[in-house]
Amino acid sequence: MKQTCPVSGKEFIVTQFEQDFLKKIAPTFAGKTFEIPLPKLCPEERMRLRTLHRNEQFLYRNVSAFSQQNVISIYPTDTDFTIVSKDEWFSDTWDGLDYGTDFDFSKNFFEQFQVLRKKVPRASTVNEQNENCEYTTGTAYSKNCYLINSSENCEDCYYSKLLQQCTNVVDSAYCYDSELLYECFNVKNCYDCKYTYNAQNSSDCWFCDDIKNCQNCFLSTNLVGQQYVFMNQKLSKDEYEKRIQTILNSKEHWEKCFSLFKDVQKNRWYKYAQILNSENCTGDFIANSQNCLNCYDVTKSQDCLNVQVGVEVKDLLDCSNMYLKPELSYSVLGTINTYNVHFCLYVFNSNNVFYSELCYNCQNCFGCVGLRNNKYCIFNKQYSPEEYENTVTKIIEHMQTTGEWGQFFPAWMSTFPYNKSLAYEYLPLTKEEAIARNYQWESPKTKSFLPQNYAIPNRIEDTPDDICTKILACEVSGENYRIQPAELRFYRTMNLPIPKKCPNTRYQERMKMRNERKLYQRKCVKSGEAIATTFAPNRPEKILCEKEYQKIIHG
């Protein structure tokens, strides 16, 4: 079925999968089934709307509404939402039911829900069961991490995005089951790698791209099962180690590696998509999955459409940042271990929840915020099971009248400015474009950066401990930054020089490595076979279909 998006003006198709899925999840309350309307927005604008409600990168200083103590927060300092510390939020000193209210049928749903959202306290960051991870967001079950986001089960990781089961990983993104990584991107089961991208089951590699089952490789690409390879040439162990040592001991040779690596990447062969051990999947960065279409950064998942970032997910449509066994969801951002949750933001270990936010261990809730261990609640008010069903029926009928039923939270409800949201990272807009869409925008505050009066040593062995007390200035933006003691230990372990760019600049440069989360129709440069790829048609890379790619890398 063809539709025209009212925001982008683009024509899009509502697939049979979507139509069947929406029928499958149509809820029944008090004996009445409520069909969910077909989406009005194109998939790209639906993704934009969801991710507009997530801030992964930017941290602010706020004041707790409970204790008046300073807290690190993902919410802007001037927010009109009620912010408290993580410990205060999970304490027994307050109860979300204290903020309960009756639904007013003379007003629309979103208007009333926004009032409730602003009243109910919210934790300053969205984290779950971490230890010593105050300066992280969107993380869970992690320890001793600093400025990472969207990560679970990690330890001693810094300045990174989307890590799963990783230890001692710094300045990296999209890494799984790995240890001792620096400046790595899309790697799985790797150990002791630096500046390595799109790698699997590899170790002791530097400046490599697209490698699998490799060890001791340097400045090489498109390798499988290789060892002691330098610039795609096989060497003896002694010759390889001699060349590597020459580079590591010379600042000039080290810096030359960066430009050489860019040349190597330009000339390599590219598979149409990073899809591994998967069946009937389209998108990019998909592993061990089945029937996942137009999905990105998805692993161990099945039967999904239009999902961005999913770990062990099943039966999802139009969802983002879903982790650890969420199942059967539509239009959701940010869950862990949920079932039958729809139109929600940050709901954890819960089931049968609609139009709710920041709820933990809840069942059968509708329009709730900040509840823990509750069930049969509407607008944070307790009901009997029968009252719950009857009242939800009336509210949905009201939402059908106002045109709100089946729609995600509108942009004006976001707690974040557009340019501080995940949407800006995925789908950047100029300030003028964002304001024209009535999105919030945070203008940069005038900052006086301090000059750097300290010369960073070129070699890590010449770097003293007191560098952690020095104020450094980014060589690109001028932004000040410091080296953390644990970070310094990592650089020494990995024999890496101190970075001369601030974490924000490094993060932004890393994110530019990603293609758009958008598929284009192209043809394999060798076979002419039609392929769906995130490489736009005007890109210069040599793109191959699966068959031709396998021929080249396996000889």
Protein backbone atom coordinates (compact mmCIF):
# COMPACT_ATOMS: atom_id res chain seq x y z
CA MET A 1 0.00 0.00 0.00
CA LYS A 2 1.46 3.37 -1.05
CA GLN A 3 1.44 6.38 1.27
CA THR A 4 2.86 9.90 1.03
CA CYS A 5 4.74 11.18 4.08
CA PRO A 6 3.30 14.54 5.23
CA VAL A 7 6.71 15.61 6.57
CA SER A 8 9.19 14.60 3.87
CA GLY A 9 6.75 14.48 0.98
CA LYS A 10 8.26 11.14 -0.03
CA GLU A 11 6.14 8.28 -1.27
CA PHE A 12 6.62 5.05 0.68
CA ILE A 13 5.10 1.61 0.82
CA VAL A 14 3.41 0.13 3.88
CA THR A 15 4.46 -3.48 3.43
CA GLN A 16 2.36 -6.56 3.99
CA PHE A 17 4.62 -7.37 6.95
CA GLU A 18 3.65 -4.07 8.58
CA GLN A 19 -0.04 -4.55 7.93
CA ASP A 20 0.03 -8.08 9.35
CA PHE A 21 2.16 -7.02 12.32
CA LEU A 22 -0.19 -4.19 13.30
CA LYS A 23 -3.14 -6.57 13.16
CA LYS A 24 -1.25 -9.05 15.34
CA ILE A 25 -0.49 -6.53 18.08
CA ALA A 26 -3.90 -4.80 18.09
CA PRO A 27 -4.81 -4.84 21.81
CA THR A 28 -8.08 -6.00 23.28
CA PHE A 29 -9.50 -4.27 26.34
CA ALA A 30 -12.87 -5.04 27.93
CA GLY A 31 -13.65 -7.36 25.04
CA LYS A 32 -13.03 -4.72 22.35
CA THR A 33 -10.10 -4.94 19.91
CA PHE A 34 -8.49 -1.67 18.84
CA GLU A 35 -6.85 -1.71 15.44
CA ILE A 36 -3.64 0.27 15.14
CA PRO A 37 -3.71 2.61 12.13
CA LEU A 38 -1.12 2.30 9.38
CA PRO A 39 1.88 4.63 9.76
CA LYS A 40 1.50 8.11 8.31
CA LEU A 41 5.22 8.95 8.26
CA CYS A 42 7.86 7.33 6.06
CA PRO A 43 10.35 5.02 7.88
CA GLU A 44 13.06 7.71 7.95
CA GLU A 45 10.80 10.26 9.64
CA ARG A 46 9.55 7.64 12.09
CA MET A 47 13.17 6.95 13.04
CA ARG A 48 13.84 10.67 13.38
CA LEU A 49 10.87 11.10 15.71
CA ARG A 50 11.92 8.21 17.95
CA THR A 51 15.57 9.14 18.20
CA LEU A 52 14.69 12.78 18.88
CA HIS A 53 13.78 11.51 22.35
CA ARG A 54 17.29 10.18 23.09
CA ASN A 55 20.48 11.97 24.09
CA GLU A 56 23.50 9.64 24.10
CA GLN A 57 26.47 11.94 24.05
CA PHE A 58 25.92 15.19 25.91
CA LEU A 59 26.08 15.52 29.69
CA TYR A 60 25.04 18.53 31.76
CA ARG A 61 25.19 19.62 35.37
CA ASN A 62 21.83 19.74 37.08
CA VAL A 63 20.47 20.06 40.61
CA SER A 64 18.41 17.31 42.23
CA ALA A 65 14.85 18.36 43.02
CA PHE A 66 15.03 16.17 46.14
CA SER A 67 18.38 16.92 47.76
CA GLN A 68 19.45 20.09 45.92
CA GLN A 69 22.76 18.35 45.28
CA ASN A 70 24.57 18.64 41.94
CA VAL A 71 24.06 15.72 39.56
CA ILE A 72 25.42 14.71 36.16
CA SER A 73 22.47 14.68 33.78
CA ILE A 74 21.49 13.99 30.18
CA TYR A 75 18.91 16.76 30.48
CA PRO A 76 19.82 20.38 29.71
CA THR A 77 20.50 22.59 32.70
CA ASP A 78 17.45 24.76 31.99
CA THR A 79 15.03 21.82 31.64
CA ASP A 80 11.59 22.14 33.20
CA PHE A 81 11.45 18.41 33.96
CA THR A 82 11.98 17.17 37.53
CA ILE A 83 15.51 15.74 37.84
CA VAL A 84 16.89 13.67 40.73
CA SER A 85 19.98 11.53 41.20
CA LYS A 86 19.99 7.88 40.20
CA ASP A 87 20.22 6.72 43.82
CA GLU A 88 17.37 8.99 44.86
CA TRP A 89 15.19 7.77 42.03
CA PHE A 90 15.61 4.13 43.05
CA SER A 91 15.19 4.84 46.76
CA ASP A 92 12.07 4.12 48.83
CA THR A 93 11.60 7.77 49.77
CA TRP A 94 9.08 8.40 47.01
CA ASP A 95 6.45 6.54 44.99
CA GLY A 96 5.34 7.19 41.43
CA LEU A 97 1.73 6.59 42.47
CA ASP A 98 1.90 9.79 44.54
CA TYR A 99 1.69 11.68 41.25
CA GLY A 100 -1.38 9.83 39.99
CA THR A 101 -4.15 11.76 38.30
CA ASP A 102 -7.46 11.10 36.58
CA PHE A 103 -7.62 11.28 32.80
CA ASP A 104 -9.46 14.38 31.57
CA PHE A 105 -11.59 13.53 28.55
CA SER A 106 -11.92 17.21 27.65
CA LYS A 107 -8.21 17.34 26.73
CA ASN A 108 -6.05 15.35 24.36
CA PHE A 109 -3.80 12.54 25.58
CA PHE A 110 -0.37 13.96 24.72
CA GLU A 111 -1.12 17.29 26.41
CA GLN A 112 -1.99 15.56 29.68
CA PHE A 113 0.84 13.06 29.45
CA GLN A 114 3.37 15.87 29.06
CA VAL A 115 2.12 17.46 32.28
CA LEU A 116 2.61 14.15 34.08
CA ARG A 117 6.08 13.70 32.55
CA LYS A 118 7.21 17.06 33.91
CA LYS A 119 5.90 16.39 37.42
CA VAL A 120 7.18 12.87 38.01
CA PRO A 121 10.86 12.75 39.07
CA ARG A 122 13.25 11.22 36.55
CA ALA A 123 16.75 9.93 37.15
CA SER A 124 19.43 12.24 35.81
CA THR A 125 20.75 9.50 33.49
CA VAL A 126 19.22 6.35 32.01
CA ASN A 127 21.38 3.54 33.37
CA GLU A 128 20.72 0.13 34.87
CA GLN A 129 22.72 -1.68 37.58
CA ASN A 130 26.15 -0.16 36.94
CA GLU A 131 29.12 0.30 39.25
CA ASN A 132 31.30 3.41 39.04
CA CYS A 133 29.79 4.55 35.73
CA GLU A 134 28.45 7.97 36.70
CA TYR A 135 29.53 9.63 33.45
CA THR A 136 27.74 7.21 31.12
CA THR A 137 24.25 7.00 29.66
CA GLY A 138 22.17 4.25 28.14
CA THR A 139 24.37 1.64 29.83
CA ALA A 140 23.64 -1.41 31.97
CA TYR A 141 25.46 -4.07 33.99
CA SER A 142 28.82 -2.32 33.53
CA LYS A 143 31.73 -1.35 35.78
CA ASN A 144 34.38 1.38 35.80
CA CYS A 145 33.35 3.00 32.53
CA TYR A 146 33.59 6.65 31.51
CA LEU A 147 31.76 8.51 28.73
CA ILE A 148 30.38 5.46 26.99
CA ASN A 149 26.80 5.05 25.81
CA SER A 150 24.39 2.37 24.58
CA SER A 151 26.44 -0.43 26.13
CA GLU A 152 25.91 -3.47 28.34
CA ASN A 153 28.13 -5.84 30.33
CA CYS A 154 31.32 -3.81 29.92
CA GLU A 155 34.27 -3.03 32.17
CA ASP A 156 37.02 -0.40 32.02
CA CYS A 157 35.79 1.18 28.80
CA TYR A 158 36.03 4.85 27.82
CA TYR A 159 34.79 7.28 25.16
CA SER A 160 32.86 4.67 23.18
CA LYS A 161 29.46 3.83 21.73
CA LEU A 162 27.54 0.56 21.57
CA LEU A 163 29.80 -1.94 23.25
CA GLN A 164 28.59 -5.38 24.30
CA GLN A 165 30.61 -7.64 26.61
CA CYS A 166 33.81 -5.61 26.21
CA THR A 167 36.77 -4.93 28.49
CA ASN A 168 39.44 -2.24 28.16
CA VAL A 169 38.04 -0.63 25.04
CA VAL A 170 38.71 3.06 24.29
CA ASP A 171 37.56 5.40 21.51
CA SER A 172 35.64 2.69 19.70
CA ALA A 173 32.13 1.93 18.46
CA TYR A 174 29.97 -1.07 17.61
CA CYS A 175 32.22 -3.62 19.29
CA TYR A 176 31.17 -7.00 20.66
CA ASP A 177 32.88 -9.57 22.90
CA SER A 178 36.28 -7.91 22.63
CA GLU A 179 39.17 -6.76 24.80
CA LEU A 180 42.01 -4.25 24.52
CA LEU A 181 40.77 -2.17 21.59
CA TYR A 182 41.66 1.36 20.58
CA GLU A 183 40.00 3.30 17.75
CA CYS A 184 38.14 0.24 16.51
CA PHE A 185 34.86 0.15 14.65
CA ASN A 186 32.50 -2.76 14.07
CA VAL A 187 34.61 -5.56 15.50
CA LYS A 188 33.58 -8.86 17.03
CA ASN A 189 35.63 -11.26 19.14
CA CYS A 190 38.86 -9.30 18.77
CA TYR A 191 41.82 -8.79 21.09
CA ASP A 192 44.56 -6.18 21.23
CA CYS A 193 43.68 -4.28 18.06
CA LYS A 194 44.28 -0.63 17.20
CA TYR A 195 42.74 1.37 14.35
CA THR A 196 40.97 -1.74 13.13
CA TYR A 197 37.60 -1.73 11.40
CA ASN A 198 35.12 -4.40 10.33
CA ALA A 199 37.03 -7.24 11.96
CA GLN A 200 36.15 -10.65 13.38
CA ASN A 201 38.09 -13.12 15.49
CA SER A 202 41.37 -11.24 15.10
CA SER A 203 44.20 -10.13 17.37
CA ASP A 204 47.32 -7.96 17.42
CA CYS A 205 46.33 -5.95 14.37
CA TRP A 206 46.99 -2.30 13.52
CA PHE A 207 45.42 -0.14 10.80
CA CYS A 208 43.38 -2.93 9.27
CA ASP A 209 39.97 -2.97 7.59
CA ASP A 210 37.81 -5.96 6.73
CA ILE A 211 39.74 -8.82 8.28
CA LYS A 212 38.63 -12.18 9.66
CA ASN A 213 40.56 -14.78 11.67
CA CYS A 214 43.79 -12.78 11.41
CA GLN A 215 46.74 -12.16 13.69
CA ASN A 216 49.64 -9.71 13.54
CA CYS A 217 48.56 -7.72 10.52
CA PHE A 218 49.40 -4.10 9.74
CA LEU A 219 48.00 -1.65 7.15
CA SER A 220 46.05 -4.38 5.39
CA THR A 221 42.53 -5.04 4.11
CA ASN A 222 40.30 -7.83 2.77
CA LEU A 223 42.12 -10.60 4.63
CA VAL A 224 40.93 -13.99 5.89
CA GLY A 225 43.01 -16.36 8.01
CA GLN A 226 46.29 -14.46 7.62
CA GLN A 227 49.25 -13.78 9.91
CA TYR A 228 52.27 -11.46 9.69
CA VAL A 229 50.90 -9.39 6.82
CA PHE A 230 52.22 -5.87 6.18
CA MET A 231 50.45 -3.73 3.57
CA ASN A 232 48.81 -6.91 2.25
CA GLN A 233 52.16 -8.64 1.81
CA LYS A 234 52.98 -11.82 3.69
CA LEU A 235 56.22 -11.59 5.70
CA SER A 236 58.20 -13.81 8.00
CA LYS A 237 57.64 -13.30 11.71
CA ASP A 238 61.04 -11.65 12.16
CA GLU A 239 60.68 -9.30 9.19
CA TYR A 240 57.15 -8.30 10.25
CA GLU A 241 58.19 -7.51 13.81
CA LYS A 242 61.20 -5.54 12.59
CA ARG A 243 59.04 -3.33 10.38
CA ILE A 244 56.46 -2.79 13.09
CA GLN A 245 59.06 -1.80 15.65
CA THR A 246 60.58 0.71 13.24
CA ILE A 247 57.19 2.39 12.86
CA LEU A 248 56.32 2.38 16.54
CA ASN A 249 59.65 3.96 17.46
CA SER A 250 59.36 6.79 14.94
CA LYS A 251 56.91 9.69 15.23
CA GLU A 252 57.28 10.42 11.50
CA HIS A 253 56.55 6.84 10.49
CA TRP A 254 53.64 6.66 12.94
CA GLU A 255 51.96 9.76 11.53
CA LYS A 256 52.52 8.52 7.99
CA CYS A 257 50.51 5.40 8.83
CA PHE A 258 47.32 7.44 9.12
CA SER A 259 47.55 8.78 5.58
CA LEU A 260 48.67 5.40 4.24
CA PHE A 261 45.70 3.75 5.92
CA LYS A 262 43.27 6.13 4.21
CA ASP A 263 44.80 5.23 0.86
CA VAL A 264 44.55 1.53 1.66
CA GLN A 265 40.87 1.92 2.57
CA LYS A 266 40.09 3.84 -0.62
CA ASN A 267 41.45 1.02 -2.76
CA ARG A 268 39.91 -1.93 -0.94
CA TRP A 269 36.88 -3.96 -1.99
CA TYR A 270 33.65 -3.38 -0.08
CA LYS A 271 30.93 -5.91 0.52
CA TYR A 272 27.47 -4.46 -0.15
CA ALA A 273 26.65 -4.69 3.57
CA GLN A 274 28.13 -5.90 6.84
CA ILE A 275 25.79 -8.86 7.23
CA LEU A 276 27.23 -11.95 8.92
CA ASN A 277 25.74 -15.41 9.49
CA SER A 278 22.26 -14.13 8.74
CA GLU A 279 19.35 -15.17 6.56
CA ASN A 280 16.94 -12.91 4.66
CA CYS A 281 18.27 -9.67 6.13
CA THR A 282 18.75 -6.20 4.64
CA GLY A 283 20.39 -3.14 6.15
CA ASP A 284 23.87 -2.98 7.65
CA PHE A 285 25.87 -4.32 10.60
CA ILE A 286 23.67 -7.37 11.15
CA ALA A 287 24.94 -10.60 12.72
CA ASN A 288 23.46 -13.99 13.53
CA SER A 289 19.93 -12.92 12.64
CA GLN A 290 16.95 -13.97 10.54
CA ASN A 291 14.30 -12.01 8.67
CA CYS A 292 15.48 -8.56 9.74
CA LEU A 293 14.72 -6.03 7.02
CA ASN A 294 15.98 -2.45 6.87
CA CYS A 295 17.71 -3.04 10.19
CA TYR A 296 20.99 -1.59 11.46
CA ASP A 297 23.31 -2.67 14.28
CA VAL A 298 21.29 -5.76 15.06
CA THR A 299 22.62 -9.02 16.47
CA LYS A 300 21.03 -12.36 17.43
CA SER A 301 17.61 -11.15 16.30
CA GLN A 302 14.69 -12.23 14.15
CA ASP A 303 11.53 -11.04 12.40
CA CYS A 304 12.14 -7.30 12.60
CA LEU A 305 11.57 -4.32 10.32
CA ASN A 306 13.01 -0.79 10.64
CA VAL A 307 15.07 -1.40 13.77
CA GLN A 308 18.17 0.58 14.72
CA VAL A 309 20.30 -1.08 17.41
CA GLY A 310 18.88 -4.36 18.64
CA VAL A 311 20.47 -7.05 20.77
CA GLU A 312 18.59 -10.36 20.93
CA VAL A 313 15.33 -8.82 19.73
CA LYS A 314 12.30 -10.48 18.16
CA ASP A 315 9.14 -9.30 16.40
CA LEU A 316 9.83 -5.57 16.39
CA LEU A 317 8.60 -2.85 14.05
CA ASP A 318 9.92 0.73 14.09
CA CYS A 319 12.05 0.47 17.23
CA SER A 320 15.41 1.87 18.33
CA ASN A 321 17.92 0.90 21.02
CA MET A 322 16.31 -2.35 22.14
CA TYR A 323 18.39 -4.69 24.28
CA LEU A 324 18.45 -8.17 25.76
CA LYS A 325 15.35 -10.02 24.65
CA PRO A 326 12.62 -7.46 24.01
CA GLU A 327 9.82 -9.05 22.01
CA LEU A 328 6.68 -7.87 20.21
CA SER A 329 6.99 -4.08 20.16
CA TYR A 330 5.95 -1.24 17.86
CA SER A 331 7.19 2.35 18.01
CA VAL A 332 9.44 2.02 21.03
CA LEU A 333 12.75 3.60 22.06
CA GLY A 334 14.99 2.06 24.68
CA THR A 335 13.94 -1.16 26.42
CA ILE A 336 15.55 -4.11 28.14
CA ASN A 337 13.77 -7.47 28.46
CA THR A 338 10.19 -6.49 27.61
CA TYR A 339 7.18 -8.13 25.99
CA ASN A 340 4.22 -6.51 24.24
CA VAL A 341 5.33 -2.94 24.90
CA HIS A 342 4.21 -0.25 22.43
CA PHE A 343 4.60 3.53 22.00
CA CYS A 344 7.02 3.76 24.92
CA LEU A 345 10.27 5.38 26.03
CA TYR A 346 12.67 3.53 28.34
CA VAL A 347 10.62 0.70 29.78
CA PHE A 348 12.52 -2.15 31.44
CA ASN A 349 11.65 -5.71 32.46
CA SER A 350 7.97 -5.10 31.80
CA ASN A 351 5.08 -6.36 29.69
CA ASN A 352 1.76 -5.15 28.30
CA VAL A 353 2.66 -1.47 28.61
CA PHE A 354 1.39 1.33 26.33
CA TYR A 355 2.32 5.00 26.00
CA SER A 356 4.57 5.04 29.06
CA GLU A 357 8.05 6.19 30.04
CA LEU A 358 10.73 5.20 32.54
CA CYS A 359 8.86 2.26 34.04
CA TYR A 360 10.61 -0.71 35.66
CA ASN A 361 9.16 -4.15 36.35
CA CYS A 362 5.62 -3.14 35.44
CA GLN A 363 2.65 -4.91 33.88
CA ASN A 364 -0.54 -3.67 32.28
CA CYS A 365 0.13 0.06 32.48
CA PHE A 366 -1.11 2.83 30.19
CA GLY A 367 0.10 6.42 30.15
CA CYS A 368 2.43 6.06 33.14
CA VAL A 369 5.76 7.67 34.06
CA GLY A 370 8.37 6.58 36.59
CA LEU A 371 6.65 3.54 38.07
CA ARG A 372 8.40 0.59 39.71
CA ASN A 373 6.85 -2.80 40.36
CA ASN A 374 3.31 -1.70 39.54
CA LYS A 375 0.45 -3.09 37.49
CA TYR A 376 -2.97 -1.96 36.31
CA CYS A 377 -2.11 1.72 36.45
CA ILE A 378 -3.27 4.62 34.27
CA PHE A 379 -1.62 8.03 34.56
CA ASN A 380 0.16 6.73 37.68
CA LYS A 381 -3.13 5.89 39.38
CA GLN A 382 -3.96 2.40 40.65
CA TYR A 383 -7.00 0.56 39.27
CA SER A 384 -8.51 -2.88 39.71
CA PRO A 385 -8.07 -5.15 36.66
CA GLU A 386 -11.67 -4.58 35.59
CA GLU A 387 -11.49 -0.81 36.12
CA TYR A 388 -8.22 -0.74 34.20
CA GLU A 389 -9.68 -2.47 31.15
CA ASN A 390 -12.80 -0.29 31.09
CA THR A 391 -10.88 2.98 31.56
CA VAL A 392 -8.23 2.15 28.95
CA THR A 393 -11.05 1.36 26.51
CA LYS A 394 -12.50 4.84 27.00
CA ILE A 395 -9.09 6.52 26.70
CA ILE A 396 -8.25 4.75 23.43
CA GLU A 397 -11.66 5.67 22.02
CA HIS A 398 -10.90 9.27 22.99
CA MET A 399 -7.46 9.06 21.34
CA GLN A 400 -9.07 7.72 18.19
CA THR A 401 -11.27 10.80 18.14
CA THR A 402 -8.30 13.17 18.61
CA GLY A 403 -6.15 11.28 16.08
CA GLU A 404 -3.53 10.34 18.69
CA TRP A 405 -4.07 6.57 18.84
CA GLY A 406 -1.29 4.74 17.04
CA GLN A 407 0.97 7.81 16.87
CA PHE A 408 4.34 8.15 18.58
CA PHE A 409 5.13 11.01 20.97
CA PRO A 410 5.35 14.20 18.87
CA ALA A 411 8.55 16.23 18.59
CA TRP A 412 7.36 19.01 20.90
CA MET A 413 7.34 16.52 23.78
CA SER A 414 11.06 15.75 23.52
CA THR A 415 13.19 16.51 26.56
CA PHE A 416 16.13 17.33 24.27
CA PRO A 417 17.01 19.96 21.65
CA TYR A 418 17.32 18.44 18.19
CA ASN A 419 21.07 19.07 17.94
CA LYS A 420 21.66 17.26 21.24
CA SER A 421 19.60 14.22 20.30
CA LEU A 422 20.45 10.95 18.59
CA ALA A 423 18.30 12.11 15.66
CA TYR A 424 20.89 14.78 14.89
CA GLU A 425 23.61 12.12 14.71
CA TYR A 426 21.54 9.91 12.38
CA LEU A 427 19.76 12.62 10.36
CA PRO A 428 21.52 15.98 10.75
CA LEU A 429 19.63 19.21 10.08
CA THR A 430 20.81 22.80 10.09
CA LYS A 431 19.49 25.10 12.77
CA GLU A 432 17.22 26.75 10.19
CA GLU A 433 15.85 23.40 9.01
CA ALA A 434 15.19 22.23 12.56
CA ILE A 435 13.42 25.43 13.57
CA ALA A 436 11.31 25.29 10.41
CA ARG A 437 10.08 21.92 11.66
CA ASN A 438 9.39 23.44 15.11
CA TYR A 439 12.12 21.37 16.75
CA GLN A 440 13.99 22.73 19.76
CA TRP A 441 17.58 23.86 19.17
CA GLU A 442 20.35 24.55 21.68
CA SER A 443 22.51 27.47 20.63
CA PRO A 444 26.17 27.09 21.58
CA LYS A 445 27.09 28.93 24.72
CA THR A 446 30.02 31.29 24.60
CA LYS A 447 32.99 29.50 26.10
CA SER A 448 36.43 30.74 26.95
CA PHE A 449 38.76 27.81 26.46
CA LEU A 450 42.05 27.86 28.29
CA PRO A 451 45.21 27.66 26.19
CA GLN A 452 47.34 24.57 26.52
CA ASN A 453 50.59 25.41 28.26
CA TYR A 454 51.87 21.88 28.26
CA ALA A 455 53.62 20.01 25.45
CA ILE A 456 52.21 16.50 25.12
CA PRO A 457 55.11 14.06 24.68
CA ASN A 458 55.14 12.25 21.36
CA ARG A 459 55.88 8.90 22.99
CA ILE A 460 53.89 7.34 25.82
CA GLU A 461 57.08 6.20 27.58
CA ASP A 462 58.05 9.86 27.92
CA THR A 463 54.69 10.84 29.43
CA PRO A 464 54.74 11.51 33.19
CA ASP A 465 51.91 10.74 35.62
CA ASP A 466 51.20 14.41 36.20
CA ILE A 467 49.72 14.77 32.71
CA CYS A 468 46.45 13.85 34.42
CA THR A 469 46.60 17.18 36.26
CA LYS A 470 47.13 19.21 33.08
CA ILE A 471 44.43 21.05 31.14
CA LEU A 472 44.78 20.12 27.49
CA ALA A 473 43.28 21.86 24.46
CA CYS A 474 41.92 20.06 21.41
CA GLU A 475 44.02 20.75 18.33
CA VAL A 476 40.81 20.92 16.25
CA SER A 477 38.17 22.69 18.35
CA GLY A 478 40.22 24.23 21.15
CA GLU A 479 37.94 22.51 23.68
CA ASN A 480 39.66 21.69 26.96
CA TYR A 481 39.97 18.12 28.19
CA ARG A 482 41.88 16.03 30.71
CA ILE A 483 43.46 12.60 30.68
CA GLN A 484 41.94 10.28 33.29
CA PRO A 485 44.36 8.14 35.37
CA ALA A 486 42.77 4.89 34.15
CA GLU A 487 42.98 6.20 30.60
CA LEU A 488 46.71 6.87 31.00
CA ARG A 489 47.24 3.31 32.22
CA PHE A 490 45.46 2.05 29.11
CA TYR A 491 47.68 4.07 26.75
CA ARG A 492 50.76 2.73 28.49
CA THR A 493 49.52 -0.85 28.25
CA MET A 494 48.76 -0.44 24.56
CA ASN A 495 51.90 1.61 23.76
CA LEU A 496 49.80 4.47 22.38
CA PRO A 497 50.53 8.21 22.39
CA ILE A 498 48.27 10.63 24.26
CA PRO A 499 45.47 11.90 21.96
CA LYS A 500 45.72 15.54 20.94
CA LYS A 501 42.02 15.85 20.16
CA CYS A 502 39.29 16.13 22.77
CA PRO A 503 36.77 13.28 23.28
CA ASN A 504 33.98 15.19 21.48
CA THR A 505 36.06 15.69 18.34
CA ARG A 506 37.17 12.06 18.37
CA TYR A 507 33.58 10.89 18.79
CA GLN A 508 32.31 13.05 15.92
CA GLU A 509 35.07 11.87 13.60
CA ARG A 510 34.30 8.26 14.50
CA MET A 511 30.59 8.63 13.77
CA LYS A 512 31.37 10.00 10.30
CA MET A 513 32.73 6.57 9.40
CA ARG A 514 29.17 5.26 9.35
CA ASN A 515 27.07 5.35 6.22
CA GLU A 516 23.53 6.64 6.43
CA ARG A 517 20.97 4.21 7.79
CA LYS A 518 19.37 4.18 4.39
CA LEU A 519 19.37 1.64 1.56
CA TYR A 520 20.12 2.41 -2.08
CA GLN A 521 19.69 0.17 -5.08
CA ARG A 522 23.00 -0.40 -6.87
CA LYS A 523 24.71 -3.05 -8.95
CA CYS A 524 27.78 -5.11 -8.11
CA VAL A 525 30.76 -3.66 -9.97
CA LYS A 526 31.82 -7.14 -11.09
CA SER A 527 28.69 -9.23 -11.68
CA GLY A 528 26.12 -6.50 -12.25
CA GLU A 529 23.81 -8.16 -9.72
CA ALA A 530 21.29 -5.84 -8.06
CA ILE A 531 22.17 -5.10 -4.43
CA ALA A 532 20.66 -3.06 -1.59
CA THR A 533 23.44 -1.12 0.11
CA THR A 534 24.06 1.88 2.35
CA PHE A 535 26.69 3.12 -0.12
CA ALA A 536 24.99 5.88 -2.12
CA PRO A 537 25.22 5.56 -5.94
CA ASN A 538 27.59 8.53 -6.21
CA ARG A 539 30.11 7.03 -3.77
CA PRO A 540 33.47 5.95 -5.28
CA GLU A 541 33.94 2.70 -3.33
CA LYS A 542 34.04 -0.59 -5.24
CA ILE A 543 30.90 -2.40 -4.04
CA LEU A 544 30.49 -6.15 -4.48
CA CYS A 545 27.65 -8.61 -4.11
CA GLU A 546 28.11 -11.49 -1.67
CA LYS A 547 29.31 -13.98 -4.29
CA GLU A 548 31.95 -11.71 -5.85
CA TYR A 549 33.14 -10.53 -2.45
CA GLN A 550 33.71 -14.10 -1.30
CA LYS A 551 35.64 -14.86 -4.50
CA ILE A 552 38.06 -12.00 -3.87
CA ILE A 553 38.79 -12.47 -0.18
CA HIS A 554 39.10 -16.26 -0.46
CA GLY A 555 41.10 -16.11 -3.66
